Amino acid sequence: MRNAIRKKLVKSICELKGHVFEPFMAGPNTEKPYVVVTIGGEATTNMRYGFDLPVRIWPYVERTSFKEVDDLAKEIRDALLGKDLTTKCGLVFRLRYVGSGEDFYDPEWDALTRRLDFVTDVVRGG
């Protein structure tokens, strides 16, 4: 799933220049803008055989303006919402946007960010 999300963001958002990372792969010297994708633990749903996975996406930009975070967040939502994403094994899923965290300045990385929260919709065979 993580790789399908990464591929979609890289393909859809040119300004990222392929900079879509897993947790702990980016750091203070990583060229901005970039995105970090984290996936949480499985959460049960009302569906008999289903589960949701929380997906959190963190867009990082230079310490200039939170408008840049807003613009990148919109591009991320536009790239992912309502799109079928396919894993290497042929599972097809969609992400549902459920909100965001607060604006955040990371002094160690000298970057602005805000967490975007998604959950998976039903995962089905391709």
C-alpha atoms as a PDB file:
ATOM      1  CA  MET A   1       0.000   0.000   0.000  1.00  0.00           C
ATOM      2  CA  ARG A   2       2.747   2.392   0.964  1.00  0.00           C
ATOM      3  CA  ASN A   3       4.449   1.983  -2.400  1.00  0.00           C
ATOM      4  CA  ALA A   4       1.181   2.542  -4.301  1.00  0.00           C
ATOM      5  CA  ILE A   5       0.631   5.798  -2.373  1.00  0.00           C
ATOM      6  CA  ARG A   6       4.226   6.843  -2.994  1.00  0.00           C
ATOM      7  CA  LYS A   7       3.990   6.171  -6.737  1.00  0.00           C
ATOM      8  CA  LYS A   8       0.749   8.148  -7.023  1.00  0.00           C
ATOM      9  CA  LEU A   9       2.202  11.166  -5.199  1.00  0.00           C
ATOM     10  CA  VAL A  10       5.437  11.104  -7.223  1.00  0.00           C
ATOM     11  CA  LYS A  11       3.476  10.880 -10.485  1.00  0.00           C
ATOM     12  CA  SER A  12       0.946  13.562  -9.527  1.00  0.00           C
ATOM     13  CA  ILE A  13       3.065  16.226  -7.788  1.00  0.00           C
ATOM     14  CA  CYS A  14       6.081  17.243  -9.896  1.00  0.00           C
ATOM     15  CA  GLU A  15       7.435  19.734  -7.359  1.00  0.00           C
ATOM     16  CA  LEU A  16       8.210  16.842  -4.978  1.00  0.00           C
ATOM     17  CA  LYS A  17      10.865  15.606  -7.440  1.00  0.00           C
ATOM     18  CA  GLY A  18      10.262  12.071  -6.176  1.00  0.00           C
ATOM     19  CA  HIS A  19      10.844  13.047  -2.544  1.00  0.00           C
ATOM     20  CA  VAL A  20       8.249  10.833  -0.868  1.00  0.00           C
ATOM     21  CA  PHE A  21       9.751   9.032   2.116  1.00  0.00           C
ATOM     22  CA  GLU A  22       8.965   6.435   4.738  1.00  0.00           C
ATOM     23  CA  PRO A  23       9.283   7.416   8.411  1.00  0.00           C
ATOM     24  CA  PHE A  24      12.808   8.213   9.581  1.00  0.00           C
ATOM     25  CA  MET A  25      14.208   8.316   6.027  1.00  0.00           C
ATOM     26  CA  ALA A  26      14.153  12.126   5.688  1.00  0.00           C
ATOM     27  CA  GLY A  27      16.096  14.458   7.935  1.00  0.00           C
ATOM     28  CA  PRO A  28      17.179  18.030   8.558  1.00  0.00           C
ATOM     29  CA  ASN A  29      19.226  18.207   5.347  1.00  0.00           C
ATOM     30  CA  THR A  30      16.603  16.689   3.042  1.00  0.00           C
ATOM     31  CA  GLU A  31      15.698  18.997   0.154  1.00  0.00           C
ATOM     32  CA  LYS A  32      12.228  20.487   0.571  1.00  0.00           C
ATOM     33  CA  PRO A  33       9.444  20.115  -0.316  1.00  0.00           C
ATOM     34  CA  TYR A  34       9.024  16.480   0.547  1.00  0.00           C
ATOM     35  CA  VAL A  35       6.412  14.165   1.994  1.00  0.00           C
ATOM     36  CA  VAL A  36       6.582  11.463   4.662  1.00  0.00           C
ATOM     37  CA  VAL A  37       3.989   8.661   4.543  1.00  0.00           C
ATOM     38  CA  THR A  38       3.208   6.700   7.715  1.00  0.00           C
ATOM     39  CA  ILE A  39       0.769   3.821   8.088  1.00  0.00           C
ATOM     40  CA  GLY A  40      -0.822   2.917  11.405  1.00  0.00           C
ATOM     41  CA  GLY A  41      -2.168  -0.348  12.764  1.00  0.00           C
ATOM     42  CA  GLU A  42      -5.272  -2.089  11.451  1.00  0.00           C
ATOM     43  CA  ALA A  43      -8.608  -0.900  12.832  1.00  0.00           C
ATOM     44  CA  THR A  44     -11.679  -3.111  12.625  1.00  0.00           C
ATOM     45  CA  THR A  45     -14.720  -1.943  10.690  1.00  0.00           C
ATOM     46  CA  ASN A  46     -18.365  -2.960  10.577  1.00  0.00           C
ATOM     47  CA  MET A  47     -17.600  -5.109   7.552  1.00  0.00           C
ATOM     48  CA  ARG A  48     -17.320  -8.826   8.239  1.00  0.00           C
ATOM     49  CA  TYR A  49     -13.878  -9.293   6.687  1.00  0.00           C
ATOM     50  CA  GLY A  50     -12.678  -5.717   6.458  1.00  0.00           C
ATOM     51  CA  PHE A  51     -10.306  -3.421   8.234  1.00  0.00           C
ATOM     52  CA  ASP A  52      -9.117   0.139   7.813  1.00  0.00           C
ATOM     53  CA  LEU A  53      -5.561   1.351   7.977  1.00  0.00           C
ATOM     54  CA  PRO A  54      -4.851   4.909   9.077  1.00  0.00           C
ATOM     55  CA  VAL A  55      -2.502   6.654   6.656  1.00  0.00           C
ATOM     56  CA  ARG A  56      -0.812   9.868   7.732  1.00  0.00           C
ATOM     57  CA  ILE A  57       0.929  12.106   5.254  1.00  0.00           C
ATOM     58  CA  TRP A  58       3.245  14.889   6.376  1.00  0.00           C
ATOM     59  CA  PRO A  59       4.109  17.534   3.752  1.00  0.00           C
ATOM     60  CA  TYR A  60       7.306  19.409   4.667  1.00  0.00           C
ATOM     61  CA  VAL A  61       8.241  22.786   3.172  1.00  0.00           C
ATOM     62  CA  GLU A  62      10.858  25.471   3.802  1.00  0.00           C
ATOM     63  CA  ARG A  63      10.194  27.858   6.697  1.00  0.00           C
ATOM     64  CA  THR A  64       8.491  30.489   4.569  1.00  0.00           C
ATOM     65  CA  SER A  65       4.709  30.429   4.837  1.00  0.00           C
ATOM     66  CA  PHE A  66       2.049  27.938   5.873  1.00  0.00           C
ATOM     67  CA  LYS A  67       0.336  28.804   2.588  1.00  0.00           C
ATOM     68  CA  GLU A  68       2.936  26.535   0.973  1.00  0.00           C
ATOM     69  CA  VAL A  69       1.857  23.738   3.327  1.00  0.00           C
ATOM     70  CA  ASP A  70      -1.784  24.477   2.420  1.00  0.00           C
ATOM     71  CA  ASP A  71      -1.030  24.340  -1.311  1.00  0.00           C
ATOM     72  CA  LEU A  72       0.919  21.087  -1.040  1.00  0.00           C
ATOM     73  CA  ALA A  73      -1.784  19.567   1.190  1.00  0.00           C
ATOM     74  CA  LYS A  74      -4.395  20.381  -1.459  1.00  0.00           C
ATOM     75  CA  GLU A  75      -2.263  18.755  -4.161  1.00  0.00           C
ATOM     76  CA  ILE A  76      -1.907  15.642  -1.989  1.00  0.00           C
ATOM     77  CA  ARG A  77      -5.679  15.436  -1.416  1.00  0.00           C
ATOM     78  CA  ASP A  78      -6.361  15.991  -5.132  1.00  0.00           C
ATOM     79  CA  ALA A  79      -3.876  13.256  -6.069  1.00  0.00           C
ATOM     80  CA  LEU A  80      -5.308  10.640  -3.714  1.00  0.00           C
ATOM     81  CA  LEU A  81      -9.026  11.211  -3.195  1.00  0.00           C
ATOM     82  CA  GLY A  82     -11.352   9.086  -5.286  1.00  0.00           C
ATOM     83  CA  LYS A  83      -8.467   7.327  -7.010  1.00  0.00           C
ATOM     84  CA  ASP A  84      -8.021   3.579  -7.190  1.00  0.00           C
ATOM     85  CA  LEU A  85      -4.549   2.684  -5.971  1.00  0.00           C
ATOM     86  CA  THR A  86      -3.164  -0.758  -6.740  1.00  0.00           C
ATOM     87  CA  THR A  87      -0.539  -2.683  -4.795  1.00  0.00           C
ATOM     88  CA  LYS A  88       2.097  -4.863  -6.421  1.00  0.00           C
ATOM     89  CA  CYS A  89      -0.045  -7.889  -5.449  1.00  0.00           C
ATOM     90  CA  GLY A  90      -3.086  -6.506  -7.276  1.00  0.00           C
ATOM     91  CA  LEU A  91      -5.089  -5.296  -4.278  1.00  0.00           C
ATOM     92  CA  VAL A  92      -7.047  -2.147  -5.081  1.00  0.00           C
ATOM     93  CA  PHE A  93      -7.858   0.438  -2.441  1.00  0.00           C
ATOM     94  CA  ARG A  94      -8.864   4.064  -2.009  1.00  0.00           C
ATOM     95  CA  LEU A  95      -8.039   6.593   0.665  1.00  0.00           C
ATOM     96  CA  ARG A  96     -10.647   8.654   2.454  1.00  0.00           C
ATOM     97  CA  TYR A  97      -9.543  12.021   3.880  1.00  0.00           C
ATOM     98  CA  VAL A  98     -10.610  12.453   7.508  1.00  0.00           C
ATOM     99  CA  GLY A  99      -8.912  15.719   8.477  1.00  0.00           C
ATOM    100  CA  SER A 100      -5.616  17.271   9.462  1.00  0.00           C
ATOM    101  CA  GLY A 101      -3.565  18.226  12.466  1.00  0.00           C
ATOM    102  CA  GLU A 102      -2.417  21.684  13.479  1.00  0.00           C
ATOM    103  CA  ASP A 103       0.216  23.758  11.731  1.00  0.00           C
ATOM    104  CA  PHE A 104       3.603  22.759  13.088  1.00  0.00           C
ATOM    105  CA  TYR A 105       7.109  24.209  12.902  1.00  0.00           C
ATOM    106  CA  ASP A 106       9.852  21.642  13.365  1.00  0.00           C
ATOM    107  CA  PRO A 107      12.867  23.594  14.661  1.00  0.00           C
ATOM    108  CA  GLU A 108      15.244  20.612  14.338  1.00  0.00           C
ATOM    109  CA  TRP A 109      14.441  20.271  10.622  1.00  0.00           C
ATOM    110  CA  ASP A 110      13.731  24.005  10.100  1.00  0.00           C
ATOM    111  CA  ALA A 111      10.527  23.078   8.266  1.00  0.00           C
ATOM    112  CA  LEU A 112       6.802  23.762   8.298  1.00  0.00           C
ATOM    113  CA  THR A 113       4.334  20.874   8.196  1.00  0.00           C
ATOM    114  CA  ARG A 114       0.852  19.656   9.084  1.00  0.00           C
ATOM    115  CA  ARG A 115      -0.335  16.044   9.341  1.00  0.00           C
ATOM    116  CA  LEU A 116      -2.985  14.936   6.832  1.00  0.00           C
ATOM    117  CA  ASP A 117      -5.095  11.997   8.021  1.00  0.00           C
ATOM    118  CA  PHE A 118      -6.573   9.396   5.677  1.00  0.00           C
ATOM    119  CA  VAL A 119      -8.034   5.932   6.161  1.00  0.00           C
ATOM    120  CA  THR A 120      -8.271   3.147   3.634  1.00  0.00           C
ATOM    121  CA  ASP A 121     -11.570   2.190   2.186  1.00  0.00           C
ATOM    122  CA  VAL A 122     -12.278  -1.446   1.451  1.00  0.00           C
ATOM    123  CA  VAL A 123      -9.344  -3.358   0.039  1.00  0.00           C
ATOM    124  CA  ARG A 124     -10.344  -5.717  -2.769  1.00  0.00           C
ATOM    125  CA  GLY A 125      -8.623  -7.992  -5.243  1.00  0.00           C
ATOM    126  CA  GLY A 126      -7.686  -6.415  -8.557  1.00  0.00           C
END
